[in-house]
Amino acid sequence: MTFPDTTAERAWTAAVGCVVVALVGGAVVFPDTVYGGFVWQYFWGPVVADAQGAHCAAWNGGAVELLATKGACAGAGGPVAYPGYTLVSEVGYAATLLGALVGVHFLLERLRIADSLALVYALTPFVLLGGVVRVVEDANNAAELFGTTGQPFLSYPANTLIISPVIYVVMFAVTLVAVVAAVAVARRTDAVETYHRPLAGIGCVLLAATLLGLGVLAASHDYITFIPVFTVLTLGGATVITAVTWAAARRWLPSVTSGTETVGAVVLWGHAIDGVANVVGLDWGAELGYPRGDLISKHPLNAYIVDATNAVLPQSVTHLIGDTWPFILLKVAAVLFVLSLFNEELRADAPRYTTLMLVAVLAVGLGPGTRDMIRATFGI
């Protein structure tokens, strides 16, 4: 069977092609405006600045200049890119994710897999792995910024492979190879009945190896340490929140939980990890022993929540209870709303679409949450 073969596949291919042609063509014809002022400033420039430990990177007519201070960045002319995310980049990533999900759906159709929610469980280790790999990049930066017993183990441009958004492409490739390998084992041998167990096994091995590598660094270098209270509090808090919320939803909001079975609880748990990790790290990092005070979030949404909380509550209150905790409420409410969109009819009519979307929803919560939790745990 060739690709694209169906009307939907041809429409998707045409849409992706138009976007690529528009960006590439615009970058060639208007390099400073389209590439420098959009692609570079919001997507690649932040990666360059992050990968080289700069406060920002200035476009400077194409002769990119790395700047080390806030004042120098403020005085730079032309597009300036800062490490982290902006509203523009997050919208761009969301649009790219949606387009990629459609393409992945076509792939799953051709492989004749993912018609069961069991795939969500099998891919959960890979979601955790993505967050932990980002911490490897944090450790690499910490070696240069704070270490006296070692040098960075990855230098530019190799370290861009573990910085977002490049890390998402890398993790997709790793996961795709693992899926194909697991499917091949299940279909060509009698070792397993389905591909889910070997797929989960591959993810667990990679996850354990990466965590072990961080543990070795913590034992042998001064720029990384081990503060398990962050993981204990995050996992414990997220599990309690999930258990209470899911039990309440099953009793009083059965339409929210009936369409996803226990997979919905896993998705909720992933976003609870994100919420609790943010609160623990951003509000109580210094008190819990993080070596450089409270963590700083790179997501604009957190800043808006903090500003809104401080605008409503007096400082005497936020000093006691923190100002990031509404993020947990927002995450829980958002996940329950999303889960309410999945019902038994949708699962029956579009099982692969349902599975794929649940994996995506899990990833956008559990991935960043894992990174924040593990980053704080290793004091990076």
Protein backbone atom coordinates (compact mmCIF):
# COMPACT_ATOMS: atom_id res chain seq x y z
CA MET A 1 0.00 0.00 0.00
CA THR A 2 1.39 3.36 -1.00
CA PHE A 3 1.27 6.57 0.98
CA PRO A 4 -0.70 8.77 0.74
CA ASP A 5 -3.49 6.43 -0.31
CA THR A 6 -6.71 7.67 1.27
CA THR A 7 -8.34 11.08 1.00
CA ALA A 8 -7.45 11.86 4.61
CA GLU A 9 -3.81 10.91 4.06
CA ARG A 10 -3.59 13.07 0.95
CA ALA A 11 -5.18 16.03 2.76
CA TRP A 12 -2.74 15.70 5.67
CA THR A 13 0.24 15.41 3.33
CA ALA A 14 -0.88 18.48 1.41
CA ALA A 15 -1.37 20.51 4.61
CA VAL A 16 2.04 19.56 5.99
CA GLY A 17 3.65 20.25 2.64
CA CYS A 18 2.09 23.72 2.46
CA VAL A 19 3.37 24.63 5.92
CA VAL A 20 6.87 23.39 5.11
CA VAL A 21 6.95 25.23 1.79
CA ALA A 22 5.68 28.43 3.41
CA LEU A 23 8.30 28.34 6.17
CA VAL A 24 11.21 27.31 3.97
CA GLY A 25 10.23 29.65 1.15
CA GLY A 26 9.65 32.53 3.52
CA ALA A 27 12.98 31.89 5.23
CA VAL A 28 14.78 32.00 1.88
CA VAL A 29 13.02 35.09 0.54
CA PHE A 30 12.72 36.99 3.85
CA PRO A 31 15.44 35.52 6.08
CA ASP A 32 15.43 38.23 8.74
CA THR A 33 11.64 38.41 9.01
CA VAL A 34 10.48 34.81 8.62
CA TYR A 35 13.50 32.90 9.86
CA GLY A 36 15.14 35.38 12.22
CA GLY A 37 11.97 37.00 13.54
CA PHE A 38 9.87 33.85 13.83
CA VAL A 39 11.52 30.44 13.41
CA TRP A 40 14.80 31.39 15.06
CA GLN A 41 13.48 33.75 17.74
CA TYR A 42 10.76 31.45 19.06
CA PHE A 43 11.98 27.95 18.26
CA TRP A 44 15.66 27.46 17.43
CA GLY A 45 17.15 30.51 19.16
CA PRO A 46 15.99 29.40 22.64
CA VAL A 47 17.63 26.03 22.01
CA VAL A 48 20.91 27.70 21.00
CA ALA A 49 20.89 29.93 24.09
CA ASP A 50 19.99 27.04 26.39
CA ALA A 51 22.55 24.68 24.89
CA GLN A 52 25.39 27.16 25.38
CA GLY A 53 24.39 28.44 28.80
CA ALA A 54 23.70 31.99 27.62
CA HIS A 55 21.21 34.37 29.18
CA CYS A 56 19.94 35.01 25.67
CA ALA A 57 20.94 34.84 22.02
CA ALA A 58 20.66 37.86 19.71
CA TRP A 59 19.93 37.35 16.01
CA ASN A 60 22.19 40.24 14.97
CA GLY A 61 21.37 39.96 11.28
CA GLY A 62 22.25 36.28 11.19
CA ALA A 63 25.57 36.58 13.04
CA VAL A 64 24.15 35.14 16.26
CA GLU A 65 25.61 36.64 19.41
CA LEU A 66 25.41 34.94 22.80
CA LEU A 67 24.87 37.34 25.70
CA ALA A 68 25.49 36.59 29.36
CA THR A 69 23.61 39.33 31.24
CA LYS A 70 20.08 40.67 31.42
CA GLY A 71 21.26 44.17 30.59
CA ALA A 72 23.09 43.04 27.47
CA CYS A 73 20.00 41.18 26.30
CA ALA A 74 17.78 44.20 26.87
CA GLY A 75 20.11 46.37 24.81
CA ALA A 76 20.45 43.95 21.91
CA GLY A 77 18.88 44.99 18.65
CA GLY A 78 16.68 42.78 16.49
CA PRO A 79 15.16 39.47 17.53
CA VAL A 80 16.38 38.13 20.88
CA ALA A 81 15.77 34.55 22.01
CA TYR A 82 15.72 33.46 25.65
CA PRO A 83 15.96 29.89 26.95
CA GLY A 84 12.57 28.41 27.73
CA TYR A 85 9.12 28.84 26.30
CA THR A 86 6.92 31.69 25.13
CA LEU A 87 3.24 31.76 24.26
CA VAL A 88 4.17 31.80 20.58
CA SER A 89 6.42 28.76 20.88
CA GLU A 90 3.90 26.84 22.98
CA VAL A 91 1.16 27.47 20.42
CA GLY A 92 3.55 26.39 17.69
CA TYR A 93 4.46 23.21 19.56
CA ALA A 94 0.78 22.45 20.17
CA ALA A 95 -0.03 22.85 16.48
CA THR A 96 2.94 20.70 15.53
CA LEU A 97 1.87 18.05 18.03
CA LEU A 98 -1.64 17.92 16.62
CA GLY A 99 -0.31 17.56 13.10
CA ALA A 100 2.13 14.89 14.18
CA LEU A 101 -0.60 12.96 15.98
CA VAL A 102 -2.57 12.71 12.75
CA GLY A 103 0.49 11.33 10.98
CA VAL A 104 1.13 8.86 13.80
CA HIS A 105 -2.49 7.75 13.58
CA PHE A 106 -1.95 6.85 9.93
CA LEU A 107 1.16 4.90 10.94
CA LEU A 108 -0.71 2.97 13.63
CA GLU A 109 -3.43 2.12 11.13
CA ARG A 110 -0.85 0.62 8.79
CA LEU A 111 0.84 -1.32 11.59
CA ARG A 112 -2.60 -2.47 12.81
CA ILE A 113 -1.80 -1.69 16.44
CA ALA A 114 -2.98 0.66 19.21
CA ASP A 115 -6.60 -0.48 19.11
CA SER A 116 -6.34 -1.21 22.85
CA LEU A 117 -5.82 1.18 25.75
CA ALA A 118 -3.07 -1.16 26.96
CA LEU A 119 -0.69 0.82 24.75
CA VAL A 120 -1.01 3.76 27.16
CA TYR A 121 0.45 1.66 29.96
CA ALA A 122 3.20 0.33 27.69
CA LEU A 123 4.27 3.83 26.64
CA THR A 124 4.22 5.33 30.14
CA PRO A 125 7.91 4.41 30.77
CA PHE A 126 8.85 6.31 27.61
CA VAL A 127 6.98 9.39 28.84
CA LEU A 128 8.91 9.17 32.11
CA LEU A 129 12.11 8.66 30.12
CA GLY A 130 11.56 11.86 28.17
CA GLY A 131 11.41 13.88 31.39
CA VAL A 132 14.47 12.16 32.85
CA VAL A 133 16.51 12.73 29.68
CA ARG A 134 15.81 16.44 30.02
CA VAL A 135 17.40 16.24 33.47
CA VAL A 136 20.50 14.76 31.83
CA GLU A 137 20.71 18.00 29.86
CA ASP A 138 20.26 19.97 33.09
CA ALA A 139 23.11 17.98 34.64
CA ASN A 140 25.27 18.72 31.62
CA ASN A 141 24.67 22.45 32.08
CA ALA A 142 25.26 22.21 35.83
CA ALA A 143 28.67 20.66 35.21
CA GLU A 144 29.74 23.83 33.42
CA LEU A 145 28.00 26.34 35.67
CA PHE A 146 28.52 24.90 39.15
CA GLY A 147 30.88 21.96 39.00
CA THR A 148 34.49 21.76 40.12
CA THR A 149 34.95 17.99 39.76
CA GLY A 150 34.05 17.45 36.13
CA GLN A 151 33.42 18.87 32.69
CA PRO A 152 30.22 18.82 30.61
CA PHE A 153 29.86 15.42 28.98
CA LEU A 154 28.01 16.87 25.98
CA SER A 155 29.00 20.05 24.17
CA TYR A 156 27.24 22.16 21.56
CA PRO A 157 25.75 21.13 19.15
CA ALA A 158 25.41 17.54 20.47
CA ASN A 159 23.60 18.75 23.59
CA THR A 160 20.80 20.23 21.47
CA LEU A 161 19.56 16.66 20.99
CA ILE A 162 18.29 16.64 24.58
CA ILE A 163 16.85 20.17 24.62
CA SER A 164 13.24 20.85 23.67
CA PRO A 165 11.90 20.82 21.04
CA VAL A 166 14.64 18.62 19.56
CA ILE A 167 14.29 16.16 22.44
CA TYR A 168 10.70 15.48 21.37
CA VAL A 169 11.89 14.43 17.92
CA VAL A 170 14.59 12.25 19.46
CA MET A 171 12.17 10.61 21.88
CA PHE A 172 9.67 10.03 19.09
CA ALA A 173 12.36 8.27 17.06
CA VAL A 174 13.44 6.15 20.04
CA THR A 175 9.85 5.22 20.85
CA LEU A 176 9.06 4.42 17.22
CA VAL A 177 12.03 2.07 16.98
CA ALA A 178 10.96 0.40 20.23
CA VAL A 179 7.37 -0.01 19.00
CA VAL A 180 8.47 -1.56 15.71
CA ALA A 181 10.88 -3.88 17.53
CA ALA A 182 8.24 -4.96 20.05
CA VAL A 183 5.67 -5.59 17.31
CA ALA A 184 8.22 -7.65 15.38
CA VAL A 185 9.00 -9.76 18.45
CA ALA A 186 5.32 -10.38 19.13
CA ARG A 187 4.44 -11.28 15.54
CA ARG A 188 7.50 -13.24 14.50
CA THR A 189 8.21 -15.23 17.66
CA ASP A 190 6.28 -17.15 20.29
CA ALA A 191 8.03 -15.38 23.15
CA VAL A 192 5.09 -13.07 23.94
CA GLU A 193 1.44 -12.90 22.99
CA THR A 194 1.27 -9.13 22.47
CA TYR A 195 3.76 -6.35 21.88
CA HIS A 196 2.79 -4.42 25.01
CA ARG A 197 5.08 -6.22 27.47
CA PRO A 198 8.27 -6.08 25.40
CA LEU A 199 7.54 -2.44 24.60
CA ALA A 200 7.10 -1.57 28.26
CA GLY A 201 10.20 -3.61 29.06
CA ILE A 202 12.33 -1.63 26.61
CA GLY A 203 11.08 1.62 28.11
CA CYS A 204 11.77 0.47 31.67
CA VAL A 205 15.31 -0.62 30.81
CA LEU A 206 16.10 2.73 29.16
CA LEU A 207 14.53 4.61 32.06
CA ALA A 208 16.46 2.62 34.67
CA ALA A 209 19.73 3.08 32.78
CA THR A 210 19.24 6.85 32.58
CA LEU A 211 18.39 7.14 36.27
CA LEU A 212 21.40 4.98 37.10
CA GLY A 213 23.59 7.35 35.09
CA LEU A 214 22.30 10.31 37.08
CA GLY A 215 22.94 8.37 40.27
CA VAL A 216 26.54 7.75 39.25
CA LEU A 217 26.99 11.46 38.58
CA ALA A 218 25.52 12.29 41.99
CA ALA A 219 27.95 9.94 43.68
CA SER A 220 31.04 11.19 41.87
CA HIS A 221 30.58 14.92 41.18
CA ASP A 222 29.83 17.98 43.28
CA TYR A 223 27.42 19.69 40.89
CA ILE A 224 24.72 17.06 41.38
CA THR A 225 23.42 15.68 44.65
CA PHE A 226 20.55 13.52 45.87
CA ILE A 227 17.51 14.97 47.68
CA PRO A 228 14.89 12.18 47.66
CA VAL A 229 12.30 14.21 49.57
CA PHE A 230 11.27 15.90 46.30
CA THR A 231 10.41 12.58 44.66
CA VAL A 232 8.72 11.24 47.80
CA LEU A 233 6.53 14.32 48.22
CA THR A 234 5.71 14.59 44.52
CA LEU A 235 4.80 10.94 44.02
CA GLY A 236 2.99 10.75 47.34
CA GLY A 237 1.04 13.96 46.82
CA ALA A 238 0.13 13.15 43.23
CA THR A 239 -1.02 9.65 44.17
CA VAL A 240 -3.24 10.92 46.98
CA ILE A 241 -4.73 13.64 44.76
CA THR A 242 -5.38 11.10 42.01
CA ALA A 243 -6.96 8.54 44.33
CA VAL A 244 -9.29 11.05 45.96
CA THR A 245 -10.21 12.82 42.72
CA TRP A 246 -10.76 9.62 40.74
CA ALA A 247 -12.90 8.07 43.47
CA ALA A 248 -15.01 11.22 43.68
CA ALA A 249 -15.33 11.43 39.90
CA ARG A 250 -16.41 7.79 39.61
CA ARG A 251 -19.11 8.39 42.20
CA TRP A 252 -20.43 11.81 41.22
CA LEU A 253 -19.18 12.28 37.64
CA PRO A 254 -19.35 8.81 36.08
CA SER A 255 -19.45 10.24 32.56
CA VAL A 256 -15.91 11.55 33.11
CA THR A 257 -14.42 8.18 34.01
CA SER A 258 -16.49 5.64 32.09
CA GLY A 259 -14.90 6.23 28.70
CA THR A 260 -11.28 5.60 29.69
CA GLU A 261 -11.47 3.00 32.48
CA THR A 262 -8.39 3.02 34.72
CA VAL A 263 -6.26 4.61 31.98
CA GLY A 264 -7.98 7.87 32.84
CA ALA A 265 -6.60 7.60 36.35
CA VAL A 266 -3.10 7.19 34.91
CA VAL A 267 -3.56 10.33 32.82
CA LEU A 268 -4.83 12.22 35.87
CA TRP A 269 -1.87 10.96 37.89
CA GLY A 270 0.54 12.21 35.23
CA HIS A 271 -0.86 15.72 35.41
CA ALA A 272 -1.00 15.59 39.20
CA ILE A 273 2.74 14.83 39.09
CA ASP A 274 3.21 17.99 37.04
CA GLY A 275 1.12 20.08 39.40
CA VAL A 276 2.65 18.82 42.63
CA ALA A 277 6.21 18.97 41.26
CA ASN A 278 5.67 22.63 40.38
CA VAL A 279 4.30 23.50 43.81
CA VAL A 280 6.97 21.58 45.71
CA GLY A 281 9.83 22.97 43.64
CA LEU A 282 8.69 26.53 43.03
CA ASP A 283 7.19 27.27 46.45
CA TRP A 284 9.19 25.08 48.80
CA GLY A 285 12.41 24.24 46.99
CA ALA A 286 14.67 26.22 49.32
CA GLU A 287 12.96 24.92 52.45
CA LEU A 288 13.37 21.32 51.28
CA GLY A 289 17.08 21.68 50.59
CA TYR A 290 17.36 22.58 46.92
CA PRO A 291 20.88 24.07 46.76
CA ARG A 292 19.99 27.17 44.72
CA GLY A 293 16.77 28.22 46.40
CA ASP A 294 13.35 27.71 44.83
CA LEU A 295 13.20 26.33 41.32
CA ILE A 296 12.26 28.67 38.48
CA SER A 297 9.68 27.56 35.96
CA LYS A 298 10.21 28.11 32.24
CA HIS A 299 6.50 28.01 31.41
CA PRO A 300 4.54 31.29 31.04
CA LEU A 301 1.39 29.69 32.50
CA ASN A 302 3.05 29.29 35.88
CA ALA A 303 4.00 32.96 35.93
CA TYR A 304 0.42 33.98 35.15
CA ILE A 305 -0.91 31.76 37.93
CA VAL A 306 1.58 33.18 40.43
CA ASP A 307 0.70 36.75 39.44
CA ALA A 308 -3.03 36.04 39.69
CA THR A 309 -2.67 34.39 43.09
CA ASN A 310 -0.64 37.29 44.46
CA ALA A 311 -3.21 39.73 43.08
CA VAL A 312 -6.03 37.97 44.95
CA LEU A 313 -4.37 36.86 48.18
CA PRO A 314 -2.34 39.05 50.55
CA GLN A 315 1.36 38.38 50.94
CA SER A 316 0.85 37.23 54.52
CA VAL A 317 -1.22 34.32 53.18
CA THR A 318 0.95 33.38 50.19
CA HIS A 319 3.98 33.43 52.48
CA LEU A 320 2.40 30.59 54.44
CA ILE A 321 0.74 28.51 51.70
CA GLY A 322 2.70 29.54 48.60
CA ASP A 323 1.40 31.03 45.38
CA THR A 324 1.72 28.14 42.90
CA TRP A 325 -0.85 25.71 44.37
CA PRO A 326 -3.72 26.88 42.07
CA PHE A 327 -1.75 25.17 39.29
CA ILE A 328 -2.77 21.81 40.77
CA LEU A 329 -6.44 22.78 40.74
CA LEU A 330 -6.15 23.97 37.15
CA LYS A 331 -4.43 20.76 36.06
CA VAL A 332 -7.00 18.51 37.73
CA ALA A 333 -9.95 20.46 36.33
CA ALA A 334 -8.45 20.50 32.83
CA VAL A 335 -7.77 16.76 32.83
CA LEU A 336 -11.26 15.91 34.06
CA PHE A 337 -12.71 18.05 31.29
CA VAL A 338 -10.55 16.38 28.64
CA LEU A 339 -11.39 12.90 29.94
CA SER A 340 -15.09 13.74 29.75
CA LEU A 341 -14.67 14.04 25.97
CA PHE A 342 -13.77 10.35 25.73
CA ASN A 343 -16.72 7.99 25.83
CA GLU A 344 -17.44 4.38 24.96
CA GLU A 345 -18.88 5.35 21.58
CA LEU A 346 -15.67 7.16 20.61
CA ARG A 347 -13.58 4.19 21.71
CA ALA A 348 -15.71 1.85 19.61
CA ASP A 349 -15.69 4.05 16.51
CA ALA A 350 -12.06 5.26 16.68
CA PRO A 351 -10.04 3.06 19.04
CA ARG A 352 -6.62 4.07 17.70
CA TYR A 353 -7.47 7.75 17.79
CA THR A 354 -8.66 7.39 21.39
CA THR A 355 -5.49 5.60 22.45
CA LEU A 356 -3.23 8.06 20.68
CA MET A 357 -4.93 11.11 22.16
CA LEU A 358 -4.76 9.66 25.67
CA VAL A 359 -1.03 9.04 25.25
CA ALA A 360 -0.60 12.64 24.09
CA VAL A 361 -2.60 14.03 27.01
CA LEU A 362 -0.54 11.93 29.42
CA ALA A 363 2.73 13.06 27.86
CA VAL A 364 2.10 16.81 28.14
CA GLY A 365 1.63 16.41 31.90
CA LEU A 366 3.82 13.54 33.05
CA GLY A 367 6.81 14.49 30.89
CA PRO A 368 7.36 18.02 32.25
CA GLY A 369 6.33 16.92 35.74
CA THR A 370 8.92 14.15 35.76
CA ARG A 371 11.60 16.57 34.67
CA ASP A 372 10.79 19.02 37.47
CA MET A 373 10.63 16.24 40.06
CA ILE A 374 13.89 14.55 39.06
CA ARG A 375 15.69 17.86 38.53
CA ALA A 376 14.88 18.87 42.10
CA THR A 377 15.72 15.41 43.41
CA PHE A 378 19.23 15.65 42.01
CA GLY A 379 19.64 19.28 43.04
CA ILE A 380 20.24 20.50 39.50
